[in-house]
Amino acid sequence: MSDEKSPQTTFVGLRELTEADIEQLSDEVLQLVRKFLGEKIPQYNVNQCDIAIDIDNSNEDLKIDVDINLDLPARFGLDEEKIIQETMDKTFIELEKILKENFSC
């Protein structure tokens, strides 16, 4: 079982975000994480997967933190930490595109 926490990622140069924007971003991050995890492992091969998303827009910068707790059956011999890191990398690359396209000043 792996419990991997992302480094906190900060985005600057964005317009002021509303509560609806924050909810939309949270939903999009969750969808991205699920999509990229699903590319690596089928859902039915996962014992447990918990995803926590924390978005802090209290200052002028937007901070997004994603925690993934992944438990895969040992019989598959998959590297949970590697899967999580690859998922996080892809998620934040896509998230940056979404933020630039939809929320830039």
C-alpha atoms as a PDB file:
ATOM      1  CA  MET A   1       0.000   0.000   0.000  1.00  0.00           C
ATOM      2  CA  SER A   2       1.354   3.380  -0.933  1.00  0.00           C
ATOM      3  CA  ASP A   3       0.371   6.747   0.430  1.00  0.00           C
ATOM      4  CA  GLU A   4       2.011   9.318  -1.791  1.00  0.00           C
ATOM      5  CA  LYS A   5       1.655  13.042  -1.233  1.00  0.00           C
ATOM      6  CA  SER A   6       2.411  15.528  -3.956  1.00  0.00           C
ATOM      7  CA  PRO A   7       4.593  18.476  -3.340  1.00  0.00           C
ATOM      8  CA  GLN A   8       2.358  21.494  -3.085  1.00  0.00           C
ATOM      9  CA  THR A   9       2.066  23.125  -6.484  1.00  0.00           C
ATOM     10  CA  THR A  10       1.516  26.866  -6.859  1.00  0.00           C
ATOM     11  CA  PHE A  11       0.066  28.582  -9.909  1.00  0.00           C
ATOM     12  CA  VAL A  12       0.446  32.329 -10.491  1.00  0.00           C
ATOM     13  CA  GLY A  13      -0.966  34.729 -13.092  1.00  0.00           C
ATOM     14  CA  LEU A  14      -4.547  33.623 -12.680  1.00  0.00           C
ATOM     15  CA  ARG A  15      -7.662  35.727 -12.403  1.00  0.00           C
ATOM     16  CA  GLU A  16      -9.537  35.789  -9.118  1.00  0.00           C
ATOM     17  CA  LEU A  17     -11.341  32.489  -8.730  1.00  0.00           C
ATOM     18  CA  THR A  18     -14.877  32.072  -7.427  1.00  0.00           C
ATOM     19  CA  GLU A  19     -16.124  29.218  -5.252  1.00  0.00           C
ATOM     20  CA  ALA A  20     -17.683  27.729  -8.400  1.00  0.00           C
ATOM     21  CA  ASP A  21     -14.281  27.906 -10.137  1.00  0.00           C
ATOM     22  CA  ILE A  22     -12.657  26.108  -7.200  1.00  0.00           C
ATOM     23  CA  GLU A  23     -15.319  23.388  -7.270  1.00  0.00           C
ATOM     24  CA  GLN A  24     -14.855  23.016 -11.040  1.00  0.00           C
ATOM     25  CA  LEU A  25     -11.076  22.730 -10.631  1.00  0.00           C
ATOM     26  CA  SER A  26     -11.464  20.143  -7.896  1.00  0.00           C
ATOM     27  CA  ASP A  27     -13.766  18.067 -10.109  1.00  0.00           C
ATOM     28  CA  GLU A  28     -11.379  18.362 -13.061  1.00  0.00           C
ATOM     29  CA  VAL A  29      -8.377  17.333 -10.954  1.00  0.00           C
ATOM     30  CA  LEU A  30     -10.299  14.309  -9.670  1.00  0.00           C
ATOM     31  CA  GLN A  31     -11.297  13.322 -13.218  1.00  0.00           C
ATOM     32  CA  LEU A  32      -7.699  13.684 -14.420  1.00  0.00           C
ATOM     33  CA  VAL A  33      -6.333  11.562 -11.575  1.00  0.00           C
ATOM     34  CA  ARG A  34      -8.910   8.844 -12.222  1.00  0.00           C
ATOM     35  CA  LYS A  35      -8.225   8.955 -15.969  1.00  0.00           C
ATOM     36  CA  PHE A  36      -4.464   8.621 -15.614  1.00  0.00           C
ATOM     37  CA  LEU A  37      -4.718   5.935 -12.922  1.00  0.00           C
ATOM     38  CA  GLY A  38      -7.132   4.051 -15.170  1.00  0.00           C
ATOM     39  CA  GLU A  39      -4.578   4.126 -17.990  1.00  0.00           C
ATOM     40  CA  LYS A  40      -2.097   2.344 -15.720  1.00  0.00           C
ATOM     41  CA  ILE A  41      -4.353  -0.123 -13.918  1.00  0.00           C
ATOM     42  CA  PRO A  42      -7.931  -1.308 -14.427  1.00  0.00           C
ATOM     43  CA  GLN A  43     -10.290  -0.276 -11.630  1.00  0.00           C
ATOM     44  CA  TYR A  44     -11.133  -3.899 -10.821  1.00  0.00           C
ATOM     45  CA  ASN A  45      -7.444  -4.529  -9.990  1.00  0.00           C
ATOM     46  CA  VAL A  46      -7.448  -1.926  -7.215  1.00  0.00           C
ATOM     47  CA  ASN A  47      -8.079  -2.951  -3.602  1.00  0.00           C
ATOM     48  CA  GLN A  48      -8.404   0.638  -2.441  1.00  0.00           C
ATOM     49  CA  CYS A  49      -7.858   4.073  -3.918  1.00  0.00           C
ATOM     50  CA  ASP A  50      -8.429   7.276  -1.978  1.00  0.00           C
ATOM     51  CA  ILE A  51      -7.876  10.666  -3.577  1.00  0.00           C
ATOM     52  CA  ALA A  52      -7.822  13.890  -1.568  1.00  0.00           C
ATOM     53  CA  ILE A  53      -7.621  17.281  -3.247  1.00  0.00           C
ATOM     54  CA  ASP A  54      -6.862  20.471  -1.352  1.00  0.00           C
ATOM     55  CA  ILE A  55      -7.146  23.787  -3.179  1.00  0.00           C
ATOM     56  CA  ASP A  56      -6.023  26.927  -1.355  1.00  0.00           C
ATOM     57  CA  ASN A  57      -6.942  30.197  -3.005  1.00  0.00           C
ATOM     58  CA  SER A  58      -6.726  32.313   0.143  1.00  0.00           C
ATOM     59  CA  ASN A  59      -3.735  34.371  -1.014  1.00  0.00           C
ATOM     60  CA  GLU A  60      -2.963  35.729  -4.458  1.00  0.00           C
ATOM     61  CA  ASP A  61      -1.520  32.367  -5.544  1.00  0.00           C
ATOM     62  CA  LEU A  62      -3.486  29.189  -6.150  1.00  0.00           C
ATOM     63  CA  LYS A  63      -2.054  26.171  -4.323  1.00  0.00           C
ATOM     64  CA  ILE A  64      -3.187  22.681  -5.232  1.00  0.00           C
ATOM     65  CA  ASP A  65      -2.243  19.580  -3.261  1.00  0.00           C
ATOM     66  CA  VAL A  66      -3.256  16.067  -4.271  1.00  0.00           C
ATOM     67  CA  ASP A  67      -2.878  13.002  -2.056  1.00  0.00           C
ATOM     68  CA  ILE A  68      -3.351   9.519  -3.484  1.00  0.00           C
ATOM     69  CA  ASN A  69      -3.569   6.422  -1.320  1.00  0.00           C
ATOM     70  CA  LEU A  70      -3.365   3.363  -3.549  1.00  0.00           C
ATOM     71  CA  ASP A  71      -3.530  -0.289  -2.534  1.00  0.00           C
ATOM     72  CA  LEU A  72      -2.982  -2.866  -5.258  1.00  0.00           C
ATOM     73  CA  PRO A  73      -3.004  -6.655  -4.928  1.00  0.00           C
ATOM     74  CA  ALA A  74       0.537  -7.944  -4.396  1.00  0.00           C
ATOM     75  CA  ARG A  75       0.044 -10.627  -7.050  1.00  0.00           C
ATOM     76  CA  PHE A  76       0.358  -8.008  -9.805  1.00  0.00           C
ATOM     77  CA  GLY A  77       3.789  -6.882  -8.650  1.00  0.00           C
ATOM     78  CA  LEU A  78       3.130  -3.266  -9.634  1.00  0.00           C
ATOM     79  CA  ASP A  79       5.083  -0.350  -8.220  1.00  0.00           C
ATOM     80  CA  GLU A  80       2.372   1.741  -6.547  1.00  0.00           C
ATOM     81  CA  GLU A  81       4.654   4.715  -5.915  1.00  0.00           C
ATOM     82  CA  LYS A  82       5.736   4.825  -9.560  1.00  0.00           C
ATOM     83  CA  ILE A  83       2.130   4.647 -10.741  1.00  0.00           C
ATOM     84  CA  ILE A  84       1.151   7.445  -8.355  1.00  0.00           C
ATOM     85  CA  GLN A  85       4.068   9.664  -9.400  1.00  0.00           C
ATOM     86  CA  GLU A  86       3.360   9.184 -13.114  1.00  0.00           C
ATOM     87  CA  THR A  87      -0.316   9.926 -12.484  1.00  0.00           C
ATOM     88  CA  MET A  88       0.553  13.097 -10.550  1.00  0.00           C
ATOM     89  CA  ASP A  89       2.975  14.269 -13.246  1.00  0.00           C
ATOM     90  CA  LYS A  90       0.405  13.830 -16.012  1.00  0.00           C
ATOM     91  CA  THR A  91      -2.358  15.370 -13.906  1.00  0.00           C
ATOM     92  CA  PHE A  92      -0.410  18.547 -13.174  1.00  0.00           C
ATOM     93  CA  ILE A  93       0.701  18.922 -16.805  1.00  0.00           C
ATOM     94  CA  GLU A  94      -2.946  18.792 -17.912  1.00  0.00           C
ATOM     95  CA  LEU A  95      -4.071  20.974 -15.029  1.00  0.00           C
ATOM     96  CA  GLU A  96      -1.610  23.672 -16.016  1.00  0.00           C
ATOM     97  CA  LYS A  97      -3.092  23.683 -19.538  1.00  0.00           C
ATOM     98  CA  ILE A  98      -6.627  23.953 -18.133  1.00  0.00           C
ATOM     99  CA  LEU A  99      -5.638  26.836 -15.867  1.00  0.00           C
ATOM    100  CA  LYS A 100      -3.916  28.744 -18.689  1.00  0.00           C
ATOM    101  CA  GLU A 101      -6.849  28.227 -21.072  1.00  0.00           C
ATOM    102  CA  ASN A 102      -9.678  28.994 -18.660  1.00  0.00           C
ATOM    103  CA  PHE A 103      -8.410  30.995 -15.706  1.00  0.00           C
ATOM    104  CA  SER A 104      -5.525  33.203 -16.861  1.00  0.00           C
ATOM    105  CA  CYS A 105      -5.617  36.958 -16.472  1.00  0.00           C
END
